[in-house]
Amino acid sequence: MILPTGTTVAVADGETVRLFRNTGVKPGVHLVEISAAPPVPAHSGSGARHHTGSANPDGRRRDEDDFAAATASFLNKLSLDGTIKHLVVVSDPRTLGEMRKHFHRDLRGKIMGEFAKDFSRRPLEDIASLIADA
């Protein structure tokens, strides 16, 4: 995949989100981690359909869904204020599915690619290779 310079890459799971910016010149991918305040789950009702029970004994799934919704809200804000011009999302399949439900129309138009893979704890080089090889 060829990424424009300045593309934001969000790597997330149900507990963490890491943001990167592509500083490489086309066609290269050279990611630099950028610091940003992590999204704070607002308990906005995301995951409310996942009740605690035998299939979900500890409520962890609800917490992960709430974090995914907060991450999507955070990305929406960055998109609406012009910080994000292009976006690539790398996330485990379940978290990515939950995030998609909360993406704003403006953000959806800026998404260049989505990878349903759990790379949240992988090194930067692996993330860059995943995107470059796509």
Protein backbone atom coordinates (compact mmCIF):
# COMPACT_ATOMS: atom_id res chain seq x y z
CA MET A 1 0.00 0.00 0.00
CA ILE A 2 1.29 3.43 -0.86
CA LEU A 3 0.67 5.92 1.91
CA PRO A 4 0.71 9.67 1.41
CA THR A 5 3.11 11.53 3.66
CA GLY A 6 1.27 12.57 6.82
CA THR A 7 -1.12 9.63 6.88
CA THR A 8 -2.18 8.70 10.40
CA VAL A 9 -2.05 5.05 11.40
CA ALA A 10 -4.11 3.93 14.41
CA VAL A 11 -3.24 0.58 15.98
CA ALA A 12 -5.80 -0.43 18.59
CA ASP A 13 -7.22 -3.25 20.63
CA GLY A 14 -9.79 -3.24 23.42
CA GLU A 15 -7.34 -1.72 25.90
CA THR A 16 -4.78 0.43 24.06
CA VAL A 17 -4.41 2.67 21.05
CA ARG A 18 -1.16 3.79 19.43
CA LEU A 19 -0.97 6.51 16.81
CA PHE A 20 1.68 6.85 14.13
CA ARG A 21 2.34 9.31 11.32
CA ASN A 22 3.85 8.30 7.99
CA THR A 23 6.89 10.48 7.32
CA GLY A 24 8.06 8.41 4.36
CA VAL A 25 8.04 9.72 0.83
CA LYS A 26 5.86 7.76 -1.59
CA PRO A 27 6.08 4.80 -2.04
CA GLY A 28 7.87 4.23 1.26
CA VAL A 29 6.30 3.67 4.66
CA HIS A 30 8.22 5.20 7.54
CA LEU A 31 6.13 5.42 10.69
CA VAL A 32 6.87 7.66 13.64
CA GLU A 33 4.91 7.21 16.85
CA ILE A 34 3.07 10.33 17.91
CA SER A 35 1.94 10.95 21.42
CA ALA A 36 -1.69 11.72 22.04
CA ALA A 37 -3.89 11.66 25.08
CA PRO A 38 -5.48 8.23 25.19
CA PRO A 39 -9.25 8.14 24.82
CA VAL A 40 -11.15 7.87 28.07
CA PRO A 41 -14.08 5.45 27.92
CA ALA A 42 -17.21 7.47 28.55
CA HIS A 43 -19.44 4.49 29.27
CA SER A 44 -21.70 5.89 26.61
CA GLY A 45 -23.64 2.69 26.34
CA SER A 46 -21.38 0.91 23.90
CA GLY A 47 -21.37 -2.74 24.73
CA ALA A 48 -24.62 -2.48 26.65
CA ARG A 49 -25.97 -5.44 24.74
CA HIS A 50 -23.20 -7.62 26.23
CA HIS A 51 -24.54 -8.48 29.64
CA THR A 52 -22.52 -10.22 32.29
CA GLY A 53 -23.34 -13.90 32.29
CA SER A 54 -21.90 -17.32 31.59
CA ALA A 55 -20.64 -16.23 28.15
CA ASN A 56 -19.16 -13.03 29.56
CA PRO A 57 -18.52 -13.62 33.25
CA ASP A 58 -16.27 -10.67 34.05
CA GLY A 59 -17.71 -7.82 31.97
CA ARG A 60 -14.41 -7.47 30.13
CA ARG A 61 -16.08 -7.55 26.76
CA ARG A 62 -18.28 -4.59 27.72
CA ASP A 63 -15.19 -2.66 28.84
CA GLU A 64 -13.38 -3.45 25.59
CA ASP A 65 -16.37 -2.37 23.51
CA ASP A 66 -16.60 0.85 25.48
CA PHE A 67 -12.89 1.51 24.88
CA ALA A 68 -13.35 0.81 21.16
CA ALA A 69 -16.21 3.34 21.04
CA ALA A 70 -14.08 5.90 22.88
CA THR A 71 -11.22 5.29 20.43
CA ALA A 72 -13.57 5.83 17.48
CA SER A 73 -14.84 9.03 19.09
CA PHE A 74 -11.24 10.20 19.58
CA LEU A 75 -10.42 9.51 15.91
CA ASN A 76 -13.65 11.26 14.86
CA LYS A 77 -12.57 14.37 16.78
CA LEU A 78 -9.12 14.33 15.16
CA SER A 79 -10.73 13.98 11.75
CA LEU A 80 -13.24 16.76 12.27
CA ASP A 81 -10.63 19.21 13.52
CA GLY A 82 -8.41 18.50 10.49
CA THR A 83 -5.61 16.64 12.26
CA ILE A 84 -6.32 13.46 10.26
CA LYS A 85 -6.22 13.80 6.48
CA HIS A 86 -5.80 10.07 5.71
CA LEU A 87 -6.15 7.12 8.08
CA VAL A 88 -5.19 3.47 8.24
CA VAL A 89 -6.69 1.39 11.05
CA VAL A 90 -5.06 -1.78 12.37
CA SER A 91 -7.08 -3.58 15.01
CA ASP A 92 -8.19 -7.02 16.09
CA PRO A 93 -11.40 -8.04 14.27
CA ARG A 94 -13.83 -7.63 17.17
CA THR A 95 -12.52 -4.21 18.21
CA LEU A 96 -12.43 -3.04 14.59
CA GLY A 97 -16.05 -4.09 14.16
CA GLU A 98 -17.08 -2.13 17.25
CA MET A 99 -15.09 0.92 16.14
CA ARG A 100 -16.73 0.89 12.70
CA LYS A 101 -20.13 1.31 14.34
CA HIS A 102 -18.98 4.64 15.77
CA PHE A 103 -16.96 6.14 12.90
CA HIS A 104 -18.28 9.52 11.73
CA ARG A 105 -19.04 9.93 8.01
CA ASP A 106 -16.17 12.44 7.72
CA LEU A 107 -13.70 9.91 9.15
CA ARG A 108 -14.99 7.08 6.95
CA GLY A 109 -14.12 9.17 3.90
CA LYS A 110 -10.52 9.45 5.09
CA ILE A 111 -9.91 5.75 5.76
CA MET A 112 -7.47 4.37 3.20
CA GLY A 113 -7.29 0.89 4.66
CA GLU A 114 -8.31 -1.35 7.51
CA PHE A 115 -6.43 -4.40 8.75
CA ALA A 116 -8.30 -6.82 10.99
CA LYS A 117 -5.15 -7.99 12.78
CA ASP A 118 -4.00 -7.68 16.37
CA PHE A 119 -0.76 -5.73 16.07
CA SER A 120 -1.20 -3.62 19.20
CA ARG A 121 1.80 -5.14 20.96
CA ARG A 122 3.93 -5.67 17.88
CA PRO A 123 7.03 -3.59 17.11
CA LEU A 124 6.85 -0.59 14.82
CA GLU A 125 8.73 -2.42 12.05
CA ASP A 126 6.05 -5.15 11.90
CA ILE A 127 3.28 -2.58 11.59
CA ALA A 128 5.12 -0.74 8.80
CA SER A 129 5.75 -4.04 6.97
CA LEU A 130 2.08 -5.05 7.23
CA ILE A 131 1.02 -1.80 5.58
CA ALA A 132 3.81 -1.69 2.98
CA ASP A 133 3.13 -5.27 1.87
CA ALA A 134 -0.62 -4.72 1.40
